[in-house]
Amino acid sequence: MYCVCEEHLARAIDEFLEIYEMPPDIYVLEEVSFTDWSAPSHCDFCGKIPEFLVV
């Protein structure tokens, strides 16, 4: 699972494909919410605010 900014979306997809050998589901963080989870404050690859959840 990756929480990433737009700049690092392609990298997260590539890494997910390499690890799981199947395409990920991609969600816009503003449009989803989970009861027991909240998005991190920064992208997994940099300090920017994450915009996408790649699972």
PDB file of N, CA and C in Angstrom:
ATOM      1  N   MET A   1       0.851  -1.169   0.000  1.00  0.00           N
ATOM      2  CA  MET A   1       0.000   0.000   0.000  1.00  0.00           C
ATOM      3  C   MET A   1       0.900   1.236   0.000  1.00  0.00           C
ATOM      4  N   TYR A   2       0.543   2.197  -0.819  1.00  0.00           N
ATOM      5  CA  TYR A   2       1.304   3.437  -0.920  1.00  0.00           C
ATOM      6  C   TYR A   2       0.355   4.625  -0.812  1.00  0.00           C
ATOM      7  N   CYS A   3       0.778   5.654  -0.124  1.00  0.00           N
ATOM      8  CA  CYS A   3       0.089   6.942  -0.120  1.00  0.00           C
ATOM      9  C   CYS A   3       1.062   7.910  -0.762  1.00  0.00           C
ATOM     10  N   VAL A   4       0.677   8.436  -1.916  1.00  0.00           N
ATOM     11  CA  VAL A   4       1.633   9.209  -2.705  1.00  0.00           C
ATOM     12  C   VAL A   4       1.041  10.487  -3.276  1.00  0.00           C
ATOM     13  N   CYS A   5       1.943  11.409  -3.602  1.00  0.00           N
ATOM     14  CA  CYS A   5       1.553  12.625  -4.310  1.00  0.00           C
ATOM     15  C   CYS A   5       1.448  12.290  -5.802  1.00  0.00           C
ATOM     16  N   GLU A   6       0.948  13.224  -6.576  1.00  0.00           N
ATOM     17  CA  GLU A   6       0.786  12.985  -8.011  1.00  0.00           C
ATOM     18  C   GLU A   6       2.122  12.704  -8.691  1.00  0.00           C
ATOM     19  N   GLU A   7       3.166  13.371  -8.247  1.00  0.00           N
ATOM     20  CA  GLU A   7       4.491  13.207  -8.836  1.00  0.00           C
ATOM     21  C   GLU A   7       5.005  11.764  -8.707  1.00  0.00           C
ATOM     22  N   HIS A   8       4.648  11.081  -7.636  1.00  0.00           N
ATOM     23  CA  HIS A   8       5.163   9.739  -7.387  1.00  0.00           C
ATOM     24  C   HIS A   8       4.148   8.624  -7.636  1.00  0.00           C
ATOM     25  N   LEU A   9       3.023   8.949  -8.240  1.00  0.00           N
ATOM     26  CA  LEU A   9       1.999   7.939  -8.526  1.00  0.00           C
ATOM     27  C   LEU A   9       2.537   6.839  -9.442  1.00  0.00           C
ATOM     28  N   ALA A  10       3.217   7.201 -10.506  1.00  0.00           N
ATOM     29  CA  ALA A  10       3.748   6.201 -11.443  1.00  0.00           C
ATOM     30  C   ALA A  10       4.754   5.278 -10.757  1.00  0.00           C
ATOM     31  N   ARG A  11       5.582   5.832  -9.891  1.00  0.00           N
ATOM     32  CA  ARG A  11       6.566   5.012  -9.164  1.00  0.00           C
ATOM     33  C   ARG A  11       5.863   4.005  -8.248  1.00  0.00           C
ATOM     34  N   ALA A  12       4.822   4.442  -7.559  1.00  0.00           N
ATOM     35  CA  ALA A  12       4.080   3.549  -6.673  1.00  0.00           C
ATOM     36  C   ALA A  12       3.417   2.422  -7.467  1.00  0.00           C
ATOM     37  N   ILE A  13       2.857   2.759  -8.611  1.00  0.00           N
ATOM     38  CA  ILE A  13       2.226   1.739  -9.470  1.00  0.00           C
ATOM     39  C   ILE A  13       3.281   0.741  -9.940  1.00  0.00           C
ATOM     40  N   ASP A  14       4.425   1.233 -10.395  1.00  0.00           N
ATOM     41  CA  ASP A  14       5.502   0.347 -10.861  1.00  0.00           C
ATOM     42  C   ASP A  14       5.965  -0.595  -9.751  1.00  0.00           C
ATOM     43  N   GLU A  15       6.167  -0.059  -8.558  1.00  0.00           N
ATOM     44  CA  GLU A  15       6.616  -0.897  -7.444  1.00  0.00           C
ATOM     45  C   GLU A  15       5.556  -1.930  -7.065  1.00  0.00           C
ATOM     46  N   PHE A  16       4.294  -1.513  -7.064  1.00  0.00           N
ATOM     47  CA  PHE A  16       3.208  -2.434  -6.746  1.00  0.00           C
ATOM     48  C   PHE A  16       3.170  -3.572  -7.759  1.00  0.00           C
ATOM     49  N   LEU A  17       3.268  -3.234  -9.041  1.00  0.00           N
ATOM     50  CA  LEU A  17       3.265  -4.258 -10.095  1.00  0.00           C
ATOM     51  C   LEU A  17       4.434  -5.229  -9.942  1.00  0.00           C
ATOM     52  N   GLU A  18       5.589  -4.707  -9.587  1.00  0.00           N
ATOM     53  CA  GLU A  18       6.770  -5.541  -9.426  1.00  0.00           C
ATOM     54  C   GLU A  18       6.608  -6.517  -8.256  1.00  0.00           C
ATOM     55  N   ILE A  19       6.025  -6.053  -7.176  1.00  0.00           N
ATOM     56  CA  ILE A  19       5.876  -6.890  -5.987  1.00  0.00           C
ATOM     57  C   ILE A  19       4.720  -7.888  -6.131  1.00  0.00           C
ATOM     58  N   TYR A  20       3.551  -7.413  -6.545  1.00  0.00           N
ATOM     59  CA  TYR A  20       2.338  -8.238  -6.531  1.00  0.00           C
ATOM     60  C   TYR A  20       1.971  -8.841  -7.888  1.00  0.00           C
ATOM     61  N   GLU A  21       2.644  -8.384  -8.947  1.00  0.00           N
ATOM     62  CA  GLU A  21       2.396  -8.883 -10.301  1.00  0.00           C
ATOM     63  C   GLU A  21       0.933  -8.792 -10.715  1.00  0.00           C
ATOM     64  N   MET A  22       0.268  -7.744 -10.267  1.00  0.00           N
ATOM     65  CA  MET A  22      -1.103  -7.439 -10.671  1.00  0.00           C
ATOM     66  C   MET A  22      -1.316  -5.935 -10.506  1.00  0.00           C
ATOM     67  N   PRO A  23      -2.214  -5.357 -11.291  1.00  0.00           N
ATOM     68  CA  PRO A  23      -2.419  -3.912 -11.202  1.00  0.00           C
ATOM     69  C   PRO A  23      -3.085  -3.523  -9.883  1.00  0.00           C
ATOM     70  N   PRO A  24      -2.709  -2.387  -9.334  1.00  0.00           N
ATOM     71  CA  PRO A  24      -3.302  -1.937  -8.072  1.00  0.00           C
ATOM     72  C   PRO A  24      -4.638  -1.240  -8.286  1.00  0.00           C
ATOM     73  N   ASP A  25      -5.373  -1.096  -7.202  1.00  0.00           N
ATOM     74  CA  ASP A  25      -6.520  -0.195  -7.174  1.00  0.00           C
ATOM     75  C   ASP A  25      -5.976   1.156  -6.740  1.00  0.00           C
ATOM     76  N   ILE A  26      -6.476   2.204  -7.348  1.00  0.00           N
ATOM     77  CA  ILE A  26      -5.998   3.556  -7.044  1.00  0.00           C
ATOM     78  C   ILE A  26      -7.189   4.403  -6.618  1.00  0.00           C
ATOM     79  N   TYR A  27      -7.061   5.048  -5.460  1.00  0.00           N
ATOM     80  CA  TYR A  27      -8.132   5.876  -4.919  1.00  0.00           C
ATOM     81  C   TYR A  27      -7.617   7.287  -4.688  1.00  0.00           C
ATOM     82  N   VAL A  28      -8.470   8.264  -4.905  1.00  0.00           N
ATOM     83  CA  VAL A  28      -8.163   9.650  -4.574  1.00  0.00           C
ATOM     84  C   VAL A  28      -8.466   9.804  -3.088  1.00  0.00           C
ATOM     85  N   LEU A  29      -7.480  10.212  -2.315  1.00  0.00           N
ATOM     86  CA  LEU A  29      -7.641  10.255  -0.862  1.00  0.00           C
ATOM     87  C   LEU A  29      -8.777  11.164  -0.407  1.00  0.00           C
ATOM     88  N   GLU A  30      -9.035  12.237  -1.128  1.00  0.00           N
ATOM     89  CA  GLU A  30     -10.130  13.138  -0.756  1.00  0.00           C
ATOM     90  C   GLU A  30     -11.499  12.467  -0.873  1.00  0.00           C
ATOM     91  N   GLU A  31     -11.582  11.419  -1.683  1.00  0.00           N
ATOM     92  CA  GLU A  31     -12.866  10.789  -1.973  1.00  0.00           C
ATOM     93  C   GLU A  31     -13.128   9.507  -1.187  1.00  0.00           C
ATOM     94  N   VAL A  32     -12.173   9.066  -0.370  1.00  0.00           N
ATOM     95  CA  VAL A  32     -12.372   7.840   0.407  1.00  0.00           C
ATOM     96  C   VAL A  32     -12.118   8.103   1.879  1.00  0.00           C
ATOM     97  N   SER A  33     -12.738   7.288   2.721  1.00  0.00           N
ATOM     98  CA  SER A  33     -12.465   7.354   4.152  1.00  0.00           C
ATOM     99  C   SER A  33     -12.639   5.958   4.736  1.00  0.00           C
ATOM    100  N   PHE A  34     -11.875   5.684   5.755  1.00  0.00           N
ATOM    101  CA  PHE A  34     -11.919   4.394   6.424  1.00  0.00           C
ATOM    102  C   PHE A  34     -12.074   4.654   7.919  1.00  0.00           C
ATOM    103  N   THR A  35     -12.789   3.785   8.592  1.00  0.00           N
ATOM    104  CA  THR A  35     -13.047   4.005  10.012  1.00  0.00           C
ATOM    105  C   THR A  35     -11.801   3.921  10.876  1.00  0.00           C
ATOM    106  N   ASP A  36     -10.956   2.940  10.651  1.00  0.00           N
ATOM    107  CA  ASP A  36      -9.807   2.726  11.519  1.00  0.00           C
ATOM    108  C   ASP A  36      -8.476   3.110  10.878  1.00  0.00           C
ATOM    109  N   TRP A  37      -8.510   4.006   9.890  1.00  0.00           N
ATOM    110  CA  TRP A  37      -7.285   4.391   9.215  1.00  0.00           C
ATOM    111  C   TRP A  37      -7.382   5.832   8.764  1.00  0.00           C
ATOM    112  N   SER A  38      -6.307   6.551   8.925  1.00  0.00           N
ATOM    113  CA  SER A  38      -6.250   7.905   8.376  1.00  0.00           C
ATOM    114  C   SER A  38      -4.964   8.028   7.561  1.00  0.00           C
ATOM    115  N   ALA A  39      -5.027   8.810   6.538  1.00  0.00           N
ATOM    116  CA  ALA A  39      -3.897   8.968   5.615  1.00  0.00           C
ATOM    117  C   ALA A  39      -2.711   9.615   6.324  1.00  0.00           C
ATOM    118  N   PRO A  40      -1.505   9.218   5.963  1.00  0.00           N
ATOM    119  CA  PRO A  40      -0.326   9.868   6.532  1.00  0.00           C
ATOM    120  C   PRO A  40      -0.233  11.319   6.067  1.00  0.00           C
ATOM    121  N   SER A  41       0.587  12.084   6.743  1.00  0.00           N
ATOM    122  CA  SER A  41       0.684  13.508   6.431  1.00  0.00           C
ATOM    123  C   SER A  41       1.612  13.819   5.269  1.00  0.00           C
ATOM    124  N   HIS A  42       2.372  12.805   4.795  1.00  0.00           N
ATOM    125  CA  HIS A  42       3.277  13.053   3.674  1.00  0.00           C
ATOM    126  C   HIS A  42       3.357  11.828   2.760  1.00  0.00           C
ATOM    127  N   CYS A  43       3.744  12.079   1.534  1.00  0.00           N
ATOM    128  CA  CYS A  43       3.934  11.057   0.507  1.00  0.00           C
ATOM    129  C   CYS A  43       4.962  10.035   0.982  1.00  0.00           C
ATOM    130  N   ASP A  44       4.804   8.784   0.574  1.00  0.00           N
ATOM    131  CA  ASP A  44       5.760   7.741   0.940  1.00  0.00           C
ATOM    132  C   ASP A  44       7.143   7.966   0.335  1.00  0.00           C
ATOM    133  N   PHE A  45       7.248   8.807  -0.669  1.00  0.00           N
ATOM    134  CA  PHE A  45       8.525   9.025  -1.346  1.00  0.00           C
ATOM    135  C   PHE A  45       9.090  10.439  -1.173  1.00  0.00           C
ATOM    136  N   CYS A  46       8.302  11.352  -0.618  1.00  0.00           N
ATOM    137  CA  CYS A  46       8.789  12.725  -0.411  1.00  0.00           C
ATOM    138  C   CYS A  46       7.971  13.386   0.704  1.00  0.00           C
ATOM    139  N   GLY A  47       8.138  14.660   0.888  1.00  0.00           N
ATOM    140  CA  GLY A  47       7.456  15.369   1.959  1.00  0.00           C
ATOM    141  C   GLY A  47       6.153  16.034   1.563  1.00  0.00           C
ATOM    142  N   LYS A  48       5.727  15.855   0.316  1.00  0.00           N
ATOM    143  CA  LYS A  48       4.488  16.487  -0.148  1.00  0.00           C
ATOM    144  C   LYS A  48       3.262  15.800   0.442  1.00  0.00           C
ATOM    145  N   ILE A  49       2.136  16.475   0.401  1.00  0.00           N
ATOM    146  CA  ILE A  49       0.877  15.923   0.886  1.00  0.00           C
ATOM    147  C   ILE A  49       0.426  14.823  -0.096  1.00  0.00           C
ATOM    148  N   PRO A  50       0.069  13.643   0.421  1.00  0.00           N
ATOM    149  CA  PRO A  50      -0.368  12.566  -0.477  1.00  0.00           C
ATOM    150  C   PRO A  50      -1.747  12.848  -1.054  1.00  0.00           C
ATOM    151  N   GLU A  51      -1.940  12.431  -2.290  1.00  0.00           N
ATOM    152  CA  GLU A  51      -3.211  12.622  -2.982  1.00  0.00           C
ATOM    153  C   GLU A  51      -3.861  11.297  -3.366  1.00  0.00           C
ATOM    154  N   PHE A  52      -3.060  10.224  -3.447  1.00  0.00           N
ATOM    155  CA  PHE A  52      -3.561   8.938  -3.934  1.00  0.00           C
ATOM    156  C   PHE A  52      -3.203   7.810  -2.982  1.00  0.00           C
ATOM    157  N   LEU A  53      -4.101   6.841  -2.921  1.00  0.00           N
ATOM    158  CA  LEU A  53      -3.879   5.595  -2.200  1.00  0.00           C
ATOM    159  C   LEU A  53      -3.772   4.498  -3.246  1.00  0.00           C
ATOM    160  N   VAL A  54      -2.670   3.784  -3.241  1.00  0.00           N
ATOM    161  CA  VAL A  54      -2.412   2.705  -4.209  1.00  0.00           C
ATOM    162  C   VAL A  54      -2.389   1.408  -3.425  1.00  0.00           C
ATOM    163  N   VAL A  55      -3.393   0.543  -3.691  1.00  0.00           N
ATOM    164  CA  VAL A  55      -3.500  -0.729  -2.954  1.00  0.00           C
ATOM    165  C   VAL A  55      -3.790  -1.877  -3.894  1.00  0.00           C
TER     166      VAL A  55
END
